[in-house]
């Protein structure tokens, strides 16, 4: 009985050594890094897409599309 009490007394200290907070920080940093990469690669792509749409609108207005 005393062994169970002695062993059980140390159990709550193991609960405080959880690594959930550390994992959350690591996942947050990875997500932030991926977001920065996406913004860096999609910004120039957006400029190219804008140019494509501008040429389409120009071609339609010359063809009598009425834009």
PDB file of N, CA and C in Angstrom:
ATOM      1  N   UNK A   1       0.812  -1.190   0.000  1.00  0.00           N
ATOM      2  CA  UNK A   1       0.000   0.000   0.000  1.00  0.00           C
ATOM      3  C   UNK A   1       0.864   1.265   0.000  1.00  0.00           C
ATOM      4  N   UNK A   2       1.913   1.265   0.811  1.00  0.00           N
ATOM      5  CA  UNK A   2       2.793   2.433   0.877  1.00  0.00           C
ATOM      6  C   UNK A   2       3.525   2.653  -0.447  1.00  0.00           C
ATOM      7  N   UNK A   3       3.867   1.552  -1.159  1.00  0.00           N
ATOM      8  CA  UNK A   3       4.526   1.693  -2.453  1.00  0.00           C
ATOM      9  C   UNK A   3       3.615   2.397  -3.458  1.00  0.00           C
ATOM     10  N   UNK A   4       2.328   2.077  -3.427  1.00  0.00           N
ATOM     11  CA  UNK A   4       1.387   2.725  -4.332  1.00  0.00           C
ATOM     12  C   UNK A   4       1.287   4.218  -4.037  1.00  0.00           C
ATOM     13  N   UNK A   5       1.318   4.544  -2.759  1.00  0.00           N
ATOM     14  CA  UNK A   5       1.240   5.960  -2.388  1.00  0.00           C
ATOM     15  C   UNK A   5       2.509   6.684  -2.818  1.00  0.00           C
ATOM     16  N   UNK A   6       3.670   6.065  -2.598  1.00  0.00           N
ATOM     17  CA  UNK A   6       4.936   6.699  -2.990  1.00  0.00           C
ATOM     18  C   UNK A   6       5.016   6.862  -4.506  1.00  0.00           C
ATOM     19  N   UNK A   7       4.647   5.825  -5.234  1.00  0.00           N
ATOM     20  CA  UNK A   7       4.701   5.899  -6.695  1.00  0.00           C
ATOM     21  C   UNK A   7       3.650   6.853  -7.245  1.00  0.00           C
ATOM     22  N   UNK A   8       2.510   6.906  -6.619  1.00  0.00           N
ATOM     23  CA  UNK A   8       1.435   7.789  -7.062  1.00  0.00           C
ATOM     24  C   UNK A   8       1.726   9.245  -6.778  1.00  0.00           C
ATOM     25  N   UNK A   9       2.554   9.525  -5.792  1.00  0.00           N
ATOM     26  CA  UNK A   9       2.863  10.910  -5.446  1.00  0.00           C
ATOM     27  C   UNK A   9       3.682  11.584  -6.538  1.00  0.00           C
ATOM     28  N   UNK A  10       4.461  10.830  -7.280  1.00  0.00           N
ATOM     29  CA  UNK A  10       5.277  11.404  -8.341  1.00  0.00           C
ATOM     30  C   UNK A  10       4.532  11.544  -9.653  1.00  0.00           C
ATOM     31  N   UNK A  11       3.359  10.947  -9.767  1.00  0.00           N
ATOM     32  CA  UNK A  11       2.620  10.948 -11.023  1.00  0.00           C
ATOM     33  C   UNK A  11       2.193  12.334 -11.480  1.00  0.00           C
ATOM     34  N   UNK A  12       1.697  13.210 -10.595  1.00  0.00           N
ATOM     35  CA  UNK A  12       1.269  14.517 -11.097  1.00  0.00           C
ATOM     36  C   UNK A  12       2.402  15.339 -11.706  1.00  0.00           C
ATOM     37  N   UNK A  13       3.634  15.114 -11.294  1.00  0.00           N
ATOM     38  CA  UNK A  13       4.734  15.885 -11.874  1.00  0.00           C
ATOM     39  C   UNK A  13       4.959  15.523 -13.339  1.00  0.00           C
ATOM     40  N   UNK A  14       4.593  14.327 -13.748  1.00  0.00           N
ATOM     41  CA  UNK A  14       4.734  13.926 -15.147  1.00  0.00           C
ATOM     42  C   UNK A  14       3.718  14.650 -16.025  1.00  0.00           C
ATOM     43  N   UNK A  15       2.629  15.059 -15.446  1.00  0.00           N
ATOM     44  CA  UNK A  15       1.611  15.760 -16.227  1.00  0.00           C
ATOM     45  C   UNK A  15       2.105  17.138 -16.673  1.00  0.00           C
ATOM     46  N   UNK A  16       2.971  17.736 -15.883  1.00  0.00           N
ATOM     47  CA  UNK A  16       3.454  19.067 -16.198  1.00  0.00           C
ATOM     48  C   UNK A  16       4.589  19.040 -17.215  1.00  0.00           C
ATOM     49  N   UNK A  17       5.082  17.878 -17.566  1.00  0.00           N
ATOM     50  CA  UNK A  17       6.169  17.772 -18.542  1.00  0.00           C
ATOM     51  C   UNK A  17       5.630  17.479 -19.937  1.00  0.00           C
ATOM     52  N   UNK A  18       4.423  17.928 -20.189  1.00  0.00           N
ATOM     53  CA  UNK A  18       3.804  17.705 -21.484  1.00  0.00           C
ATOM     54  C   UNK A  18       4.501  18.546 -22.548  1.00  0.00           C
ATOM     55  N   UNK A  19       4.555  18.043 -23.765  1.00  0.00           N
ATOM     56  CA  UNK A  19       5.210  18.750 -24.866  1.00  0.00           C
ATOM     57  C   UNK A  19       4.188  19.321 -25.841  1.00  0.00           C
ATOM     58  N   UNK A  20       2.927  19.409 -25.420  1.00  0.00           N
ATOM     59  CA  UNK A  20       1.895  19.912 -26.331  1.00  0.00           C
ATOM     60  C   UNK A  20       2.156  21.361 -26.720  1.00  0.00           C
ATOM     61  N   UNK A  21       2.584  22.186 -25.783  1.00  0.00           N
ATOM     62  CA  UNK A  21       2.860  23.584 -26.090  1.00  0.00           C
ATOM     63  C   UNK A  21       4.003  23.733 -27.076  1.00  0.00           C
ATOM     64  N   UNK A  22       5.020  22.918 -26.912  1.00  0.00           N
ATOM     65  CA  UNK A  22       6.166  22.964 -27.825  1.00  0.00           C
ATOM     66  C   UNK A  22       5.741  22.550 -29.225  1.00  0.00           C
ATOM     67  N   UNK A  23       4.926  21.525 -29.332  1.00  0.00           N
ATOM     68  CA  UNK A  23       4.455  21.080 -30.646  1.00  0.00           C
ATOM     69  C   UNK A  23       3.618  22.169 -31.307  1.00  0.00           C
ATOM     70  N   UNK A  24       2.783  22.846 -30.515  1.00  0.00           N
ATOM     71  CA  UNK A  24       1.951  23.909 -31.056  1.00  0.00           C
ATOM     72  C   UNK A  24       2.798  25.042 -31.616  1.00  0.00           C
ATOM     73  N   UNK A  25       3.858  25.390 -30.930  1.00  0.00           N
ATOM     74  CA  UNK A  25       4.753  26.450 -31.404  1.00  0.00           C
ATOM     75  C   UNK A  25       5.448  26.005 -32.689  1.00  0.00           C
ATOM     76  N   UNK A  26       5.890  24.768 -32.738  1.00  0.00           N
ATOM     77  CA  UNK A  26       6.563  24.270 -33.942  1.00  0.00           C
ATOM     78  C   UNK A  26       5.616  24.273 -35.139  1.00  0.00           C
ATOM     79  N   UNK A  27       4.387  23.824 -34.947  1.00  0.00           N
ATOM     80  CA  UNK A  27       3.419  23.825 -36.038  1.00  0.00           C
ATOM     81  C   UNK A  27       3.099  25.250 -36.479  1.00  0.00           C
ATOM     82  N   UNK A  28       3.039  26.179 -35.531  1.00  0.00           N
ATOM     83  CA  UNK A  28       2.778  27.574 -35.873  1.00  0.00           C
ATOM     84  C   UNK A  28       3.911  28.154 -36.715  1.00  0.00           C
ATOM     85  N   UNK A  29       5.147  27.831 -36.357  1.00  0.00           N
ATOM     86  CA  UNK A  29       6.284  28.327 -37.132  1.00  0.00           C
ATOM     87  C   UNK A  29       6.305  27.743 -38.539  1.00  0.00           C
ATOM     88  N   UNK A  30       5.986  26.467 -38.666  1.00  0.00           N
ATOM     89  CA  UNK A  30       5.939  25.835 -39.993  1.00  0.00           C
ATOM     90  C   UNK A  30       4.843  26.480 -40.833  1.00  0.00           C
ATOM     91  N   UNK A  31       3.681  26.711 -40.226  1.00  0.00           N
ATOM     92  CA  UNK A  31       2.578  27.340 -40.947  1.00  0.00           C
ATOM     93  C   UNK A  31       2.934  28.754 -41.380  1.00  0.00           C
ATOM     94  N   UNK A  32       3.603  29.498 -40.522  1.00  0.00           N
ATOM     95  CA  UNK A  32       4.025  30.855 -40.883  1.00  0.00           C
ATOM     96  C   UNK A  32       5.030  30.821 -42.030  1.00  0.00           C
ATOM     97  N   UNK A  33       5.963  29.883 -42.003  1.00  0.00           N
ATOM     98  CA  UNK A  33       6.953  29.756 -43.065  1.00  0.00           C
ATOM     99  C   UNK A  33       6.295  29.409 -44.397  1.00  0.00           C
ATOM    100  N   UNK A  34       5.348  28.485 -44.380  1.00  0.00           N
ATOM    101  CA  UNK A  34       4.639  28.103 -45.597  1.00  0.00           C
ATOM    102  C   UNK A  34       3.829  29.284 -46.131  1.00  0.00           C
ATOM    103  N   UNK A  35       3.218  30.059 -45.233  1.00  0.00           N
ATOM    104  CA  UNK A  35       2.446  31.229 -45.660  1.00  0.00           C
ATOM    105  C   UNK A  35       3.333  32.263 -46.343  1.00  0.00           C
ATOM    106  N   UNK A  36       4.504  32.503 -45.780  1.00  0.00           N
ATOM    107  CA  UNK A  36       5.430  33.464 -46.386  1.00  0.00           C
ATOM    108  C   UNK A  36       5.878  32.980 -47.759  1.00  0.00           C
ATOM    109  N   UNK A  37       6.158  31.682 -47.887  1.00  0.00           N
ATOM    110  CA  UNK A  37       6.556  31.151 -49.186  1.00  0.00           C
ATOM    111  C   UNK A  37       5.439  31.277 -50.213  1.00  0.00           C
ATOM    112  N   UNK A  38       4.212  30.988 -49.809  1.00  0.00           N
ATOM    113  CA  UNK A  38       3.082  31.107 -50.737  1.00  0.00           C
ATOM    114  C   UNK A  38       2.904  32.544 -51.207  1.00  0.00           C
ATOM    115  N   UNK A  39       3.004  33.487 -50.293  1.00  0.00           N
ATOM    116  CA  UNK A  39       2.869  34.899 -50.672  1.00  0.00           C
ATOM    117  C   UNK A  39       3.998  35.302 -51.615  1.00  0.00           C
ATOM    118  N   UNK A  40       5.204  34.837 -51.325  1.00  0.00           N
ATOM    119  CA  UNK A  40       6.355  35.198 -52.158  1.00  0.00           C
ATOM    120  C   UNK A  40       6.221  34.647 -53.573  1.00  0.00           C
ATOM    121  N   UNK A  41       5.664  33.457 -53.718  1.00  0.00           N
ATOM    122  CA  UNK A  41       5.546  32.871 -55.054  1.00  0.00           C
ATOM    123  C   UNK A  41       4.285  33.303 -55.782  1.00  0.00           C
ATOM    124  N   UNK A  42       3.215  33.602 -55.060  1.00  0.00           N
ATOM    125  CA  UNK A  42       1.958  33.943 -55.721  1.00  0.00           C
ATOM    126  C   UNK A  42       1.861  35.411 -56.117  1.00  0.00           C
ATOM    127  N   UNK A  43       2.637  36.274 -55.507  1.00  0.00           N
ATOM    128  CA  UNK A  43       2.584  37.694 -55.869  1.00  0.00           C
ATOM    129  C   UNK A  43       3.009  37.928 -57.317  1.00  0.00           C
ATOM    130  N   UNK A  44       4.151  37.419 -57.757  1.00  0.00           N
ATOM    131  CA  UNK A  44       4.496  37.599 -59.187  1.00  0.00           C
ATOM    132  C   UNK A  44       3.522  36.884 -60.117  1.00  0.00           C
ATOM    133  N   UNK A  45       3.005  35.771 -59.681  1.00  0.00           N
ATOM    134  CA  UNK A  45       2.041  35.044 -60.497  1.00  0.00           C
ATOM    135  C   UNK A  45       0.767  35.861 -60.669  1.00  0.00           C
ATOM    136  N   UNK A  46       0.378  36.586 -59.622  1.00  0.00           N
ATOM    137  CA  UNK A  46      -0.802  37.448 -59.703  1.00  0.00           C
ATOM    138  C   UNK A  46      -0.630  38.551 -60.728  1.00  0.00           C
ATOM    139  N   UNK A  47       0.579  39.084 -60.838  1.00  0.00           N
ATOM    140  CA  UNK A  47       0.849  40.130 -61.828  1.00  0.00           C
ATOM    141  C   UNK A  47       0.712  39.550 -63.241  1.00  0.00           C
ATOM    142  N   UNK A  48       1.203  38.345 -63.438  1.00  0.00           N
ATOM    143  CA  UNK A  48       1.079  37.707 -64.756  1.00  0.00           C
ATOM    144  C   UNK A  48      -0.381  37.421 -65.092  1.00  0.00           C
ATOM    145  N   UNK A  49      -1.140  36.958 -64.123  1.00  0.00           N
ATOM    146  CA  UNK A  49      -2.558  36.673 -64.362  1.00  0.00           C
ATOM    147  C   UNK A  49      -3.311  37.954 -64.668  1.00  0.00           C
ATOM    148  N   UNK A  50      -2.970  39.035 -63.993  1.00  0.00           N
ATOM    149  CA  UNK A  50      -3.597  40.323 -64.262  1.00  0.00           C
ATOM    150  C   UNK A  50      -3.320  40.762 -65.704  1.00  0.00           C
ATOM    151  N   UNK A  51      -2.103  40.526 -66.169  1.00  0.00           N
ATOM    152  CA  UNK A  51      -1.762  40.853 -67.555  1.00  0.00           C
ATOM    153  C   UNK A  51      -2.549  40.017 -68.551  1.00  0.00           C
ATOM    154  N   UNK A  52      -2.751  38.748 -68.237  1.00  0.00           N
ATOM    155  CA  UNK A  52      -3.530  37.866 -69.120  1.00  0.00           C
ATOM    156  C   UNK A  52      -4.976  38.344 -69.198  1.00  0.00           C
ATOM    157  N   UNK A  53      -5.568  38.679 -68.039  1.00  0.00           N
ATOM    158  CA  UNK A  53      -6.942  39.172 -68.036  1.00  0.00           C
ATOM    159  C   UNK A  53      -7.056  40.502 -68.799  1.00  0.00           C
ATOM    160  N   UNK A  54      -6.061  41.354 -68.657  1.00  0.00           N
ATOM    161  CA  UNK A  54      -6.087  42.632 -69.374  1.00  0.00           C
ATOM    162  C   UNK A  54      -6.063  42.406 -70.882  1.00  0.00           C
ATOM    163  N   UNK A  55      -5.259  41.447 -71.332  1.00  0.00           N
ATOM    164  CA  UNK A  55      -5.220  41.178 -72.772  1.00  0.00           C
ATOM    165  C   UNK A  55      -6.526  40.546 -73.257  1.00  0.00           C
ATOM    166  N   UNK A  56      -7.151  39.727 -72.448  1.00  0.00           N
ATOM    167  CA  UNK A  56      -8.437  39.131 -72.812  1.00  0.00           C
ATOM    168  C   UNK A  56      -9.506  40.213 -72.914  1.00  0.00           C
ATOM    169  N   UNK A  57      -9.543  41.121 -71.931  1.00  0.00           N
ATOM    170  CA  UNK A  57     -10.529  42.203 -71.949  1.00  0.00           C
ATOM    171  C   UNK A  57     -10.295  43.107 -73.155  1.00  0.00           C
ATOM    172  N   UNK A  58      -9.042  43.384 -73.483  1.00  0.00           N
ATOM    173  CA  UNK A  58      -8.726  44.219 -74.637  1.00  0.00           C
ATOM    174  C   UNK A  58      -9.184  43.535 -75.928  1.00  0.00           C
ATOM    175  N   UNK A  59      -8.939  42.250 -76.028  1.00  0.00           N
ATOM    176  CA  UNK A  59      -9.350  41.528 -77.236  1.00  0.00           C
ATOM    177  C   UNK A  59     -10.876  41.479 -77.369  1.00  0.00           C
ATOM    178  N   UNK A  60     -11.562  41.328 -76.258  1.00  0.00           N
ATOM    179  CA  UNK A  60     -13.029  41.287 -76.311  1.00  0.00           C
ATOM    180  C   UNK A  60     -13.609  42.645 -76.648  1.00  0.00           C
ATOM    181  N   UNK A  61     -13.000  43.710 -76.115  1.00  0.00           N
ATOM    182  CA  UNK A  61     -13.540  45.048 -76.433  1.00  0.00           C
ATOM    183  C   UNK A  61     -13.284  45.419 -77.885  1.00  0.00           C
ATOM    184  N   UNK A  62     -12.180  44.952 -78.458  1.00  0.00           N
ATOM    185  CA  UNK A  62     -11.906  45.209 -79.872  1.00  0.00           C
ATOM    186  C   UNK A  62     -12.832  44.382 -80.751  1.00  0.00           C
ATOM    187  N   UNK A  63     -13.286  43.235 -80.251  1.00  0.00           N
ATOM    188  CA  UNK A  63     -14.168  42.385 -81.034  1.00  0.00           C
ATOM    189  C   UNK A  63     -15.630  42.822 -80.894  1.00  0.00           C
ATOM    190  N   UNK A  64     -15.874  43.862 -80.104  1.00  0.00           N
ATOM    191  CA  UNK A  64     -17.235  44.370 -79.969  1.00  0.00           C
ATOM    192  C   UNK A  64     -17.963  43.786 -78.765  1.00  0.00           C
ATOM    193  N   UNK A  65     -17.207  43.351 -77.784  1.00  0.00           N
ATOM    194  CA  UNK A  65     -17.824  42.776 -76.583  1.00  0.00           C
ATOM    195  C   UNK A  65     -18.492  43.824 -75.707  1.00  0.00           C
ATOM    196  N   UNK A  66     -18.096  45.057 -75.827  1.00  0.00           N
ATOM    197  CA  UNK A  66     -18.761  46.140 -75.114  1.00  0.00           C
ATOM    198  C   UNK A  66     -18.330  46.270 -73.657  1.00  0.00           C
ATOM    199  N   UNK A  67     -17.131  45.922 -73.308  1.00  0.00           N
ATOM    200  CA  UNK A  67     -16.674  46.098 -71.928  1.00  0.00           C
ATOM    201  C   UNK A  67     -16.326  47.508 -71.726  1.00  0.00           C
TER     202      UNK A  67
END
